[in-house]
Amino acid sequence: MEKVIAIGALGALAHEGRLDVFRLLVRAGPEGMAAGEIARSTGAVLSTLSANLAVLTRAGLIGSRRDGRSIIYTADYDQMRDLLGFLMEDCCGGKPEICAPLAELASRPCTAEGRTC
């Protein structure tokens, strides 16, 4: 991942509302969620949610697809993995025990429906 892309993604996540939306979509899995469902779950006003979804989309962290009259939003797991990989790329300095807890955490099943993230 290029540094500029990582900065854009981290900037998009550096907002309470956007971070809440992103984490919700990560938990939702590949099925994703409609905007109205996201708004109800997060308590966000639709206009604010729309702006937050646009920022996350431009950062490449989420995607969308049309399903009838609804737009379903999903986390982009590949981009999330790339960002996490970028952050951990130089981790440890030859001491894998430093990063071991992170690898262990990443291998745990998600709390939502027992899915592995």
C-alpha atoms as a PDB file:
ATOM      1  CA  MET A   1       0.000   0.000   0.000  1.00  0.00           C
ATOM      2  CA  GLU A   2       1.242   3.457  -0.838  1.00  0.00           C
ATOM      3  CA  LYS A   3       1.712   5.918   2.004  1.00  0.00           C
ATOM      4  CA  VAL A   4      -0.744   8.425   0.459  1.00  0.00           C
ATOM      5  CA  ILE A   5      -3.493   5.796   0.320  1.00  0.00           C
ATOM      6  CA  ALA A   6      -2.810   4.766   3.927  1.00  0.00           C
ATOM      7  CA  ILE A   7      -2.992   8.392   5.048  1.00  0.00           C
ATOM      8  CA  GLY A   8      -6.331   8.815   3.273  1.00  0.00           C
ATOM      9  CA  ALA A   9      -7.741   5.681   4.892  1.00  0.00           C
ATOM     10  CA  LEU A  10      -6.483   6.608   8.348  1.00  0.00           C
ATOM     11  CA  GLY A  11      -7.843  10.139   7.908  1.00  0.00           C
ATOM     12  CA  ALA A  12     -11.242   8.727   6.979  1.00  0.00           C
ATOM     13  CA  LEU A  13     -11.245   6.595  10.128  1.00  0.00           C
ATOM     14  CA  ALA A  14     -10.114   9.495  12.332  1.00  0.00           C
ATOM     15  CA  HIS A  15     -13.713  10.538  12.981  1.00  0.00           C
ATOM     16  CA  GLU A  16     -15.999   8.987  15.570  1.00  0.00           C
ATOM     17  CA  GLY A  17     -19.007   8.616  13.283  1.00  0.00           C
ATOM     18  CA  ARG A  18     -17.049   7.188  10.357  1.00  0.00           C
ATOM     19  CA  LEU A  19     -15.161   4.787  12.611  1.00  0.00           C
ATOM     20  CA  ASP A  20     -18.482   3.568  14.058  1.00  0.00           C
ATOM     21  CA  VAL A  21     -19.888   3.012  10.557  1.00  0.00           C
ATOM     22  CA  PHE A  22     -16.780   1.204   9.358  1.00  0.00           C
ATOM     23  CA  ARG A  23     -16.666  -1.099  12.381  1.00  0.00           C
ATOM     24  CA  LEU A  24     -20.381  -1.822  11.984  1.00  0.00           C
ATOM     25  CA  LEU A  25     -19.865  -2.767   8.330  1.00  0.00           C
ATOM     26  CA  VAL A  26     -16.883  -4.963   9.219  1.00  0.00           C
ATOM     27  CA  ARG A  27     -19.116  -6.817  11.695  1.00  0.00           C
ATOM     28  CA  ALA A  28     -21.956  -7.049   9.138  1.00  0.00           C
ATOM     29  CA  GLY A  29     -19.803  -9.180   6.869  1.00  0.00           C
ATOM     30  CA  PRO A  30     -20.018  -9.451   3.084  1.00  0.00           C
ATOM     31  CA  GLU A  31     -23.818  -9.176   3.200  1.00  0.00           C
ATOM     32  CA  GLY A  32     -23.434  -5.531   4.211  1.00  0.00           C
ATOM     33  CA  MET A  33     -26.161  -3.171   5.339  1.00  0.00           C
ATOM     34  CA  ALA A  34     -28.547  -0.672   3.786  1.00  0.00           C
ATOM     35  CA  ALA A  35     -28.069   3.002   4.645  1.00  0.00           C
ATOM     36  CA  GLY A  36     -31.279   3.144   6.697  1.00  0.00           C
ATOM     37  CA  GLU A  37     -30.176   0.157   8.734  1.00  0.00           C
ATOM     38  CA  ILE A  38     -26.767   1.774   9.307  1.00  0.00           C
ATOM     39  CA  ALA A  39     -28.469   4.990  10.433  1.00  0.00           C
ATOM     40  CA  ARG A  40     -30.700   3.118  12.894  1.00  0.00           C
ATOM     41  CA  SER A  41     -27.770   1.128  14.275  1.00  0.00           C
ATOM     42  CA  THR A  42     -25.502   4.127  14.741  1.00  0.00           C
ATOM     43  CA  GLY A  43     -28.100   6.784  15.514  1.00  0.00           C
ATOM     44  CA  ALA A  44     -26.711   8.936  12.702  1.00  0.00           C
ATOM     45  CA  VAL A  45     -28.769  11.556  10.877  1.00  0.00           C
ATOM     46  CA  LEU A  46     -29.152  10.498   7.221  1.00  0.00           C
ATOM     47  CA  SER A  47     -27.424  13.598   5.812  1.00  0.00           C
ATOM     48  CA  THR A  48     -24.442  13.109   8.121  1.00  0.00           C
ATOM     49  CA  LEU A  49     -24.380   9.391   7.378  1.00  0.00           C
ATOM     50  CA  SER A  50     -24.387  10.103   3.652  1.00  0.00           C
ATOM     51  CA  ALA A  51     -21.356  12.373   4.022  1.00  0.00           C
ATOM     52  CA  ASN A  52     -19.560   9.781   6.167  1.00  0.00           C
ATOM     53  CA  LEU A  53     -20.297   6.994   3.668  1.00  0.00           C
ATOM     54  CA  ALA A  54     -18.907   9.179   0.874  1.00  0.00           C
ATOM     55  CA  VAL A  55     -15.656   9.793   2.790  1.00  0.00           C
ATOM     56  CA  LEU A  56     -15.231   6.084   3.549  1.00  0.00           C
ATOM     57  CA  THR A  57     -15.960   5.208  -0.084  1.00  0.00           C
ATOM     58  CA  ARG A  58     -13.392   7.714  -1.411  1.00  0.00           C
ATOM     59  CA  ALA A  59     -10.837   6.235   1.000  1.00  0.00           C
ATOM     60  CA  GLY A  60     -11.534   2.789  -0.462  1.00  0.00           C
ATOM     61  CA  LEU A  61     -12.622   1.360   2.881  1.00  0.00           C
ATOM     62  CA  ILE A  62     -16.186   0.551   1.855  1.00  0.00           C
ATOM     63  CA  GLY A  63     -18.052  -0.288  -1.310  1.00  0.00           C
ATOM     64  CA  SER A  64     -21.685  -0.300  -2.321  1.00  0.00           C
ATOM     65  CA  ARG A  65     -24.067  -2.206  -4.535  1.00  0.00           C
ATOM     66  CA  ARG A  66     -27.666  -1.681  -5.530  1.00  0.00           C
ATOM     67  CA  ASP A  67     -30.227  -4.197  -4.313  1.00  0.00           C
ATOM     68  CA  GLY A  68     -33.612  -3.196  -5.693  1.00  0.00           C
ATOM     69  CA  ARG A  69     -34.312   0.270  -4.329  1.00  0.00           C
ATOM     70  CA  SER A  70     -31.678  -0.007  -1.598  1.00  0.00           C
ATOM     71  CA  ILE A  71     -27.964   0.629  -1.677  1.00  0.00           C
ATOM     72  CA  ILE A  72     -26.083  -1.929   0.369  1.00  0.00           C
ATOM     73  CA  TYR A  73     -22.766  -0.845   1.870  1.00  0.00           C
ATOM     74  CA  THR A  74     -19.991  -3.305   2.700  1.00  0.00           C
ATOM     75  CA  ALA A  75     -16.541  -3.069   4.219  1.00  0.00           C
ATOM     76  CA  ASP A  76     -13.719  -3.585   1.734  1.00  0.00           C
ATOM     77  CA  TYR A  77     -11.845  -6.329   3.553  1.00  0.00           C
ATOM     78  CA  ASP A  78      -8.962  -6.336   1.069  1.00  0.00           C
ATOM     79  CA  GLN A  79      -8.339  -2.626   1.670  1.00  0.00           C
ATOM     80  CA  MET A  80      -8.652  -3.153   5.434  1.00  0.00           C
ATOM     81  CA  ARG A  81      -6.086  -5.980   5.308  1.00  0.00           C
ATOM     82  CA  ASP A  82      -3.768  -3.849   3.161  1.00  0.00           C
ATOM     83  CA  LEU A  83      -4.010  -0.979   5.642  1.00  0.00           C
ATOM     84  CA  LEU A  84      -3.330  -3.240   8.611  1.00  0.00           C
ATOM     85  CA  GLY A  85      -0.455  -4.836   6.725  1.00  0.00           C
ATOM     86  CA  PHE A  86       0.976  -1.405   5.948  1.00  0.00           C
ATOM     87  CA  LEU A  87       0.802  -0.448   9.622  1.00  0.00           C
ATOM     88  CA  MET A  88       2.503  -3.666  10.701  1.00  0.00           C
ATOM     89  CA  GLU A  89       4.953  -3.916   7.795  1.00  0.00           C
ATOM     90  CA  ASP A  90       7.974  -2.843   9.792  1.00  0.00           C
ATOM     91  CA  CYS A  91       6.694  -4.173  13.093  1.00  0.00           C
ATOM     92  CA  CYS A  92       8.878  -6.018  15.503  1.00  0.00           C
ATOM     93  CA  GLY A  93      12.398  -5.203  14.304  1.00  0.00           C
ATOM     94  CA  GLY A  94      13.225  -8.903  14.303  1.00  0.00           C
ATOM     95  CA  LYS A  95      11.330  -9.541  17.549  1.00  0.00           C
ATOM     96  CA  PRO A  96       8.145 -11.387  16.522  1.00  0.00           C
ATOM     97  CA  GLU A  97       6.946 -11.601  20.115  1.00  0.00           C
ATOM     98  CA  ILE A  98       6.114  -7.880  19.944  1.00  0.00           C
ATOM     99  CA  CYS A  99       3.499  -8.423  17.233  1.00  0.00           C
ATOM    100  CA  ALA A 100       2.369 -11.890  18.333  1.00  0.00           C
ATOM    101  CA  PRO A 101      -0.609 -10.576  20.336  1.00  0.00           C
ATOM    102  CA  LEU A 102      -1.879  -8.766  17.222  1.00  0.00           C
ATOM    103  CA  ALA A 103      -1.639 -11.901  15.091  1.00  0.00           C
ATOM    104  CA  GLU A 104      -3.450 -13.839  17.800  1.00  0.00           C
ATOM    105  CA  LEU A 105      -6.185 -11.193  17.982  1.00  0.00           C
ATOM    106  CA  ALA A 106      -6.637 -11.237  14.198  1.00  0.00           C
ATOM    107  CA  SER A 107      -7.103 -15.007  14.182  1.00  0.00           C
ATOM    108  CA  ARG A 108      -9.985 -14.964  16.684  1.00  0.00           C
ATOM    109  CA  PRO A 109     -13.554 -15.351  15.408  1.00  0.00           C
ATOM    110  CA  CYS A 110     -15.591 -12.172  15.182  1.00  0.00           C
ATOM    111  CA  THR A 111     -18.185 -11.654  17.861  1.00  0.00           C
ATOM    112  CA  ALA A 112     -20.960 -11.290  15.279  1.00  0.00           C
ATOM    113  CA  GLU A 113     -22.322 -14.749  14.434  1.00  0.00           C
ATOM    114  CA  GLY A 114     -18.936 -16.405  15.026  1.00  0.00           C
ATOM    115  CA  ARG A 115     -17.504 -15.263  11.675  1.00  0.00           C
ATOM    116  CA  THR A 116     -13.757 -15.091  11.228  1.00  0.00           C
ATOM    117  CA  CYS A 117     -12.732 -11.657  10.067  1.00  0.00           C
END
